[in-house]
Amino acid sequence: MDWKHIQFDWNHARAFLVVADEGSLSAAGRAMAISQPTLGRQITALESQLKVTLFERVGKGLTLTQSGLRLYEYVKKMADAANEFSLVAQGQSNEVSGDVCISLTELDAYFRFAPLISKFKEYAPNIRLEVQVSNDISDLKRREADVALRYQRPTQPDLITKKIGSEHAYLYGHQDYVKHFANKKPQDVSNLQLIGFDHSDQMKHYLMEMGFPARDDQFTVICKNQLVQLQMMLQGGALAFLPDHIAARFPELVPAFVESFKPIELDMWLVCHRELHTSRKVRLVFDFLSENLNIK
């Protein structure tokens, strides 16, 4: 390799990638935890070194020029290679101290993991956990998390998966609300109110498959936060899907239309990258979650 021809700063290339992905200097600065002026100087320096214009300003954001678009693909490959390098290096570590990031849904983080924190500190006192709470799927290959709990089995060949249990979800509501349509079929309740998770039709399609012709106007609230959904259900006036082991904690919540619906069965998968599974600290966390989050 002719090293003398590689004259740009690798950190500036990373800055270019993050700005391109985030769409603005301010958003990229937050993502990289550096100031916007510093980031702007890095982009200017890279453009000067490469003798190209990488971005053009559109409104308050930045878009890639034709030169920027072409170079982006190469920088993206560099970032992927750097991630692989980091994963392999971490996999060689025999340390049982340091940071490990786990990704959990809101309900799992609140009801399953939070009560285990004291037990975990006794189990691995030198490991500092970062708990990423999100209902979105984290990208383990891009190091968004080291270990994740998912409800769909990943298909990527370089991920290690372990089924740790399953749970059932029903339509639940406050008992005072559900009793108004006891012994009725859902299609016979004209003013039924539902809490939707997002604007997709996934929940509506499931209900329709079960013989309930759910309408858009029945989804009177859309809320992605599962804990807020739970609080709304406890206040009464609407139904939402909830795992039965969580609903059992609240005696005022009862399942609705049990004769009309089959429960949704969800398998629970613990996942980590195959390279990280050779890291002792990640393996400790993986094994702890496998043993303690399991619901049989």
Protein backbone atom coordinates (compact mmCIF):
# COMPACT_ATOMS: atom_id res chain seq x y z
CA MET A 1 0.00 0.00 0.00
CA ASP A 2 1.25 3.48 -0.86
CA TRP A 3 0.74 5.10 2.54
CA LYS A 4 1.99 8.53 1.51
CA HIS A 5 -1.10 9.06 -0.65
CA ILE A 6 -3.46 8.67 2.33
CA GLN A 7 -3.32 12.27 3.47
CA PHE A 8 -6.73 12.97 5.02
CA ASP A 9 -7.51 12.75 8.73
CA TRP A 10 -9.45 9.58 9.64
CA ASN A 11 -11.34 11.49 12.34
CA HIS A 12 -12.48 14.00 9.72
CA ALA A 13 -13.81 11.12 7.62
CA ARG A 14 -15.80 9.93 10.64
CA ALA A 15 -17.19 13.44 11.09
CA PHE A 16 -18.22 13.48 7.43
CA LEU A 17 -20.11 10.18 7.85
CA VAL A 18 -22.00 11.32 10.97
CA VAL A 19 -23.00 14.66 9.42
CA ALA A 20 -24.23 12.85 6.32
CA ASP A 21 -26.29 10.42 8.43
CA GLU A 22 -27.68 13.05 10.82
CA GLY A 23 -28.36 15.73 8.19
CA SER A 24 -27.02 18.75 10.08
CA LEU A 25 -24.00 19.93 12.03
CA SER A 26 -26.03 20.45 15.19
CA ALA A 27 -27.50 16.92 15.17
CA ALA A 28 -24.11 15.38 14.34
CA GLY A 29 -22.48 17.40 17.11
CA ARG A 30 -24.94 15.98 19.63
CA ALA A 31 -24.35 12.45 18.33
CA MET A 32 -20.57 12.83 18.61
CA ALA A 33 -20.61 14.94 21.80
CA ILE A 34 -18.52 17.72 20.23
CA SER A 35 -19.35 21.34 19.49
CA GLN A 36 -20.91 22.41 16.20
CA PRO A 37 -18.03 24.82 15.35
CA THR A 38 -15.45 22.07 15.92
CA LEU A 39 -17.38 19.73 13.68
CA GLY A 40 -17.71 22.42 11.01
CA ARG A 41 -13.96 22.95 11.03
CA GLN A 42 -13.38 19.22 10.59
CA ILE A 43 -15.65 19.11 7.55
CA THR A 44 -13.97 22.19 6.06
CA ALA A 45 -10.54 20.65 6.63
CA LEU A 46 -11.60 17.41 4.95
CA GLU A 47 -12.99 19.27 1.94
CA SER A 48 -9.72 21.18 1.68
CA GLN A 49 -7.63 18.00 1.91
CA LEU A 50 -9.73 16.18 -0.70
CA LYS A 51 -10.28 19.29 -2.84
CA VAL A 52 -14.02 18.61 -3.17
CA THR A 53 -17.25 20.10 -1.83
CA LEU A 54 -19.04 17.48 0.24
CA PHE A 55 -22.21 19.29 1.37
CA GLU A 56 -24.55 22.00 0.26
CA ARG A 57 -26.95 23.77 2.59
CA VAL A 58 -30.67 23.25 2.03
CA GLY A 59 -32.78 25.18 4.51
CA LYS A 60 -31.45 24.42 7.98
CA GLY A 61 -29.90 21.13 6.96
CA LEU A 62 -27.08 19.81 4.81
CA THR A 63 -27.35 17.50 1.82
CA LEU A 64 -24.57 15.63 0.07
CA THR A 65 -23.25 16.91 -3.23
CA GLN A 66 -22.65 14.46 -6.07
CA SER A 67 -19.02 14.16 -4.94
CA GLY A 68 -20.19 13.68 -1.35
CA LEU A 69 -22.62 10.95 -2.37
CA ARG A 70 -19.90 9.01 -4.13
CA LEU A 71 -17.41 9.33 -1.27
CA TYR A 72 -20.06 8.49 1.33
CA GLU A 73 -20.21 4.86 0.16
CA TYR A 74 -16.48 4.45 0.74
CA VAL A 75 -16.55 6.12 4.15
CA LYS A 76 -19.47 3.89 5.14
CA LYS A 77 -17.36 0.82 4.31
CA MET A 78 -14.56 2.27 6.43
CA ALA A 79 -16.95 2.68 9.37
CA ASP A 80 -18.28 -0.87 9.00
CA ALA A 81 -14.73 -2.20 8.93
CA ALA A 82 -13.86 -0.15 12.03
CA ASN A 83 -16.89 -1.59 13.84
CA GLU A 84 -15.83 -5.13 12.93
CA PHE A 85 -12.30 -4.35 14.13
CA SER A 86 -13.65 -3.09 17.44
CA LEU A 87 -15.95 -6.10 17.87
CA VAL A 88 -13.15 -8.58 17.27
CA ALA A 89 -10.83 -6.68 19.63
CA GLN A 90 -13.44 -6.63 22.40
CA GLY A 91 -14.06 -10.32 21.86
CA GLN A 92 -10.45 -11.03 22.79
CA SER A 93 -10.73 -9.26 26.12
CA ASN A 94 -10.56 -11.37 29.28
CA GLU A 95 -11.47 -8.48 31.56
CA VAL A 96 -14.56 -8.78 33.71
CA SER A 97 -14.84 -5.05 34.30
CA GLY A 98 -15.92 -2.11 32.20
CA ASP A 99 -19.03 -1.05 30.34
CA VAL A 100 -21.64 -3.31 28.76
CA CYS A 101 -24.73 -1.92 26.98
CA ILE A 102 -27.99 -3.86 27.05
CA SER A 103 -31.11 -3.01 25.04
CA LEU A 104 -34.52 -3.65 26.62
CA THR A 105 -38.08 -2.62 25.89
CA GLU A 106 -39.79 -0.23 28.28
CA LEU A 107 -41.85 -2.95 29.94
CA ASP A 108 -38.89 -5.32 30.29
CA ALA A 109 -36.60 -2.61 31.66
CA TYR A 110 -39.17 -1.44 34.21
CA PHE A 111 -40.80 -4.68 35.36
CA ARG A 112 -38.14 -7.31 34.73
CA PHE A 113 -34.70 -5.77 34.90
CA ALA A 114 -35.01 -2.90 37.41
CA PRO A 115 -35.78 -5.27 40.33
CA LEU A 116 -32.63 -7.27 39.47
CA ILE A 117 -30.10 -4.46 39.68
CA SER A 118 -28.94 -5.26 43.24
CA LYS A 119 -28.55 -8.91 42.35
CA PHE A 120 -26.54 -7.99 39.27
CA LYS A 121 -24.17 -5.77 41.25
CA GLU A 122 -23.42 -8.71 43.53
CA TYR A 123 -23.01 -10.97 40.50
CA ALA A 124 -20.65 -8.66 38.57
CA PRO A 125 -19.58 -5.74 40.79
CA ASN A 126 -16.98 -4.39 38.34
CA ILE A 127 -19.25 -4.14 35.33
CA ARG A 128 -21.07 -0.88 34.66
CA LEU A 129 -24.29 -1.41 32.73
CA GLU A 130 -25.73 1.03 30.26
CA VAL A 131 -29.43 0.21 29.95
CA GLN A 132 -30.78 1.36 26.60
CA VAL A 133 -34.57 1.54 26.91
CA SER A 134 -36.27 1.48 23.54
CA ASN A 135 -38.96 -0.44 21.71
CA ASP A 136 -36.96 -0.06 18.50
CA ILE A 137 -34.60 -2.83 17.41
CA SER A 138 -30.98 -1.93 18.15
CA ASP A 139 -28.30 -2.67 15.56
CA LEU A 140 -25.80 -4.90 17.32
CA LYS A 141 -23.44 -4.95 14.36
CA ARG A 142 -23.11 -1.18 14.54
CA ARG A 143 -22.49 -1.31 18.31
CA GLU A 144 -25.77 0.29 19.35
CA ALA A 145 -25.83 -2.34 22.11
CA ASP A 146 -23.85 -5.38 23.21
CA VAL A 147 -26.78 -7.55 24.29
CA ALA A 148 -30.47 -7.17 23.40
CA LEU A 149 -33.76 -8.79 24.32
CA ARG A 150 -35.96 -9.20 21.25
CA TYR A 151 -39.34 -10.67 20.43
CA GLN A 152 -38.46 -11.77 16.91
CA ARG A 153 -35.64 -14.19 16.24
CA PRO A 154 -32.87 -12.43 14.28
CA THR A 155 -31.82 -14.07 11.05
CA GLN A 156 -28.32 -12.58 10.67
CA PRO A 157 -25.75 -15.40 10.74
CA ASP A 158 -23.24 -13.45 12.84
CA LEU A 159 -25.63 -13.02 15.79
CA ILE A 160 -25.88 -15.49 18.65
CA THR A 161 -29.44 -16.08 19.86
CA LYS A 162 -30.91 -17.93 22.79
CA LYS A 163 -34.62 -18.42 23.38
CA ILE A 164 -35.26 -17.65 27.04
CA GLY A 165 -39.01 -17.98 27.19
CA SER A 166 -42.31 -16.82 25.77
CA GLU A 167 -45.18 -14.64 26.86
CA HIS A 168 -48.82 -14.13 25.91
CA ALA A 169 -50.48 -10.79 25.29
CA TYR A 170 -54.21 -10.08 25.50
CA LEU A 171 -56.45 -7.06 25.13
CA TYR A 172 -56.69 -5.68 28.66
CA GLY A 173 -58.66 -2.87 30.21
CA HIS A 174 -59.84 -1.61 33.56
CA GLN A 175 -62.49 -3.90 35.04
CA ASP A 176 -65.01 -1.06 35.28
CA TYR A 177 -64.63 -0.44 31.54
CA VAL A 178 -64.62 -4.07 30.46
CA LYS A 179 -67.77 -4.94 32.42
CA HIS A 180 -69.82 -2.65 30.14
CA PHE A 181 -69.47 -5.14 27.29
CA ALA A 182 -69.19 -8.40 29.21
CA ASN A 183 -70.47 -11.40 27.22
CA LYS A 184 -70.59 -9.33 24.03
CA LYS A 185 -68.60 -9.81 20.87
CA PRO A 186 -66.29 -6.95 19.87
CA GLN A 187 -68.24 -6.19 16.69
CA ASP A 188 -71.33 -5.60 18.87
CA VAL A 189 -69.67 -2.77 20.82
CA SER A 190 -70.04 0.38 18.72
CA ASN A 191 -68.09 2.82 20.87
CA LEU A 192 -65.12 0.60 21.75
CA GLN A 193 -61.91 2.58 22.28
CA LEU A 194 -58.43 1.17 21.65
CA ILE A 195 -54.89 2.39 22.29
CA GLY A 196 -52.66 1.94 19.26
CA PHE A 197 -48.88 1.56 19.35
CA ASP A 198 -48.15 3.46 16.15
CA HIS A 199 -49.79 4.54 12.90
CA SER A 200 -49.24 1.20 11.18
CA ASP A 201 -52.13 -1.19 10.62
CA GLN A 202 -50.48 -4.18 12.33
CA MET A 203 -52.74 -4.20 15.39
CA LYS A 204 -55.85 -3.57 13.30
CA HIS A 205 -54.99 -6.41 10.93
CA TYR A 206 -54.50 -8.82 13.82
CA LEU A 207 -57.87 -7.89 15.29
CA MET A 208 -59.54 -8.31 11.90
CA GLU A 209 -57.98 -11.77 11.52
CA MET A 210 -59.61 -12.66 14.83
CA GLY A 211 -63.01 -11.63 13.48
CA PHE A 212 -63.10 -8.14 14.97
CA PRO A 213 -63.59 -5.54 12.20
CA ALA A 214 -61.56 -2.84 13.95
CA ARG A 215 -61.97 0.68 12.56
CA ASP A 216 -59.48 3.51 12.47
CA ASP A 217 -61.78 5.73 14.52
CA GLN A 218 -61.69 3.21 17.39
CA PHE A 219 -57.96 3.87 17.91
CA THR A 220 -58.61 7.01 19.90
CA VAL A 221 -55.04 7.24 21.25
CA ILE A 222 -51.71 6.46 19.56
CA CYS A 223 -48.80 6.06 21.98
CA LYS A 224 -45.49 4.22 21.52
CA ASN A 225 -44.57 4.41 25.20
CA GLN A 226 -45.72 1.18 26.83
CA LEU A 227 -45.63 2.56 30.37
CA VAL A 228 -47.88 5.44 29.37
CA GLN A 229 -50.21 2.96 27.67
CA LEU A 230 -50.37 1.00 30.91
CA GLN A 231 -51.25 4.09 32.92
CA MET A 232 -54.00 4.97 30.44
CA MET A 233 -55.46 1.50 30.79
CA LEU A 234 -55.45 1.81 34.58
CA GLN A 235 -57.38 5.08 34.29
CA GLY A 236 -60.09 3.28 32.32
CA GLY A 237 -61.87 3.97 29.06
CA ALA A 238 -59.70 2.09 26.56
CA LEU A 239 -58.15 -1.28 25.77
CA ALA A 240 -54.60 -2.16 24.77
CA PHE A 241 -52.49 -5.28 24.35
CA LEU A 242 -50.46 -6.21 27.42
CA PRO A 243 -48.46 -9.32 28.41
CA ASP A 244 -50.42 -11.39 30.91
CA HIS A 245 -47.56 -11.61 33.44
CA ILE A 246 -47.54 -7.81 33.72
CA ALA A 247 -51.32 -7.46 33.81
CA ALA A 248 -51.31 -9.96 36.71
CA ARG A 249 -49.58 -7.30 38.82
CA PHE A 250 -52.67 -5.08 38.58
CA PRO A 251 -55.86 -6.78 39.82
CA GLU A 252 -58.00 -4.01 38.35
CA LEU A 253 -56.93 -5.00 34.83
CA VAL A 254 -58.89 -7.81 33.20
CA PRO A 255 -58.79 -9.34 29.71
CA ALA A 256 -61.50 -8.34 27.26
CA PHE A 257 -63.32 -10.56 24.76
CA VAL A 258 -61.54 -13.70 25.93
CA GLU A 259 -63.95 -15.86 23.93
CA SER A 260 -63.22 -13.98 20.72
CA PHE A 261 -59.43 -13.68 20.64
CA LYS A 262 -56.51 -15.98 20.75
CA PRO A 263 -53.64 -14.47 22.72
CA ILE A 264 -50.60 -13.19 20.87
CA GLU A 265 -47.72 -15.53 21.66
CA LEU A 266 -44.31 -13.87 21.65
CA ASP A 267 -41.01 -15.73 21.91
CA MET A 268 -38.24 -13.99 23.83
CA TRP A 269 -34.74 -14.07 22.34
CA LEU A 270 -31.53 -12.92 23.98
CA VAL A 271 -29.12 -11.75 21.30
CA CYS A 272 -25.50 -10.66 21.04
CA HIS A 273 -22.87 -10.44 18.31
CA ARG A 274 -20.82 -13.63 17.92
CA GLU A 275 -17.54 -11.77 18.45
CA LEU A 276 -18.76 -10.17 21.67
CA HIS A 277 -19.84 -13.56 22.98
CA THR A 278 -16.15 -14.42 23.47
CA SER A 279 -15.74 -11.39 25.76
CA ARG A 280 -15.92 -12.46 29.41
CA LYS A 281 -17.73 -9.33 30.56
CA VAL A 282 -20.36 -9.59 27.83
CA ARG A 283 -20.72 -13.31 28.42
CA LEU A 284 -21.34 -12.65 32.12
CA VAL A 285 -24.10 -10.17 31.30
CA PHE A 286 -25.58 -12.49 28.67
CA ASP A 287 -25.68 -15.41 31.11
CA PHE A 288 -27.15 -13.29 33.91
CA LEU A 289 -29.97 -12.02 31.70
CA SER A 290 -30.59 -15.50 30.33
CA GLU A 291 -31.07 -16.90 33.81
CA ASN A 292 -32.95 -14.05 35.44
CA LEU A 293 -35.21 -12.68 32.67
CA ASN A 294 -36.54 -16.10 31.79
CA ILE A 295 -40.27 -16.55 32.29
CA LYS A 296 -41.45 -20.15 31.95
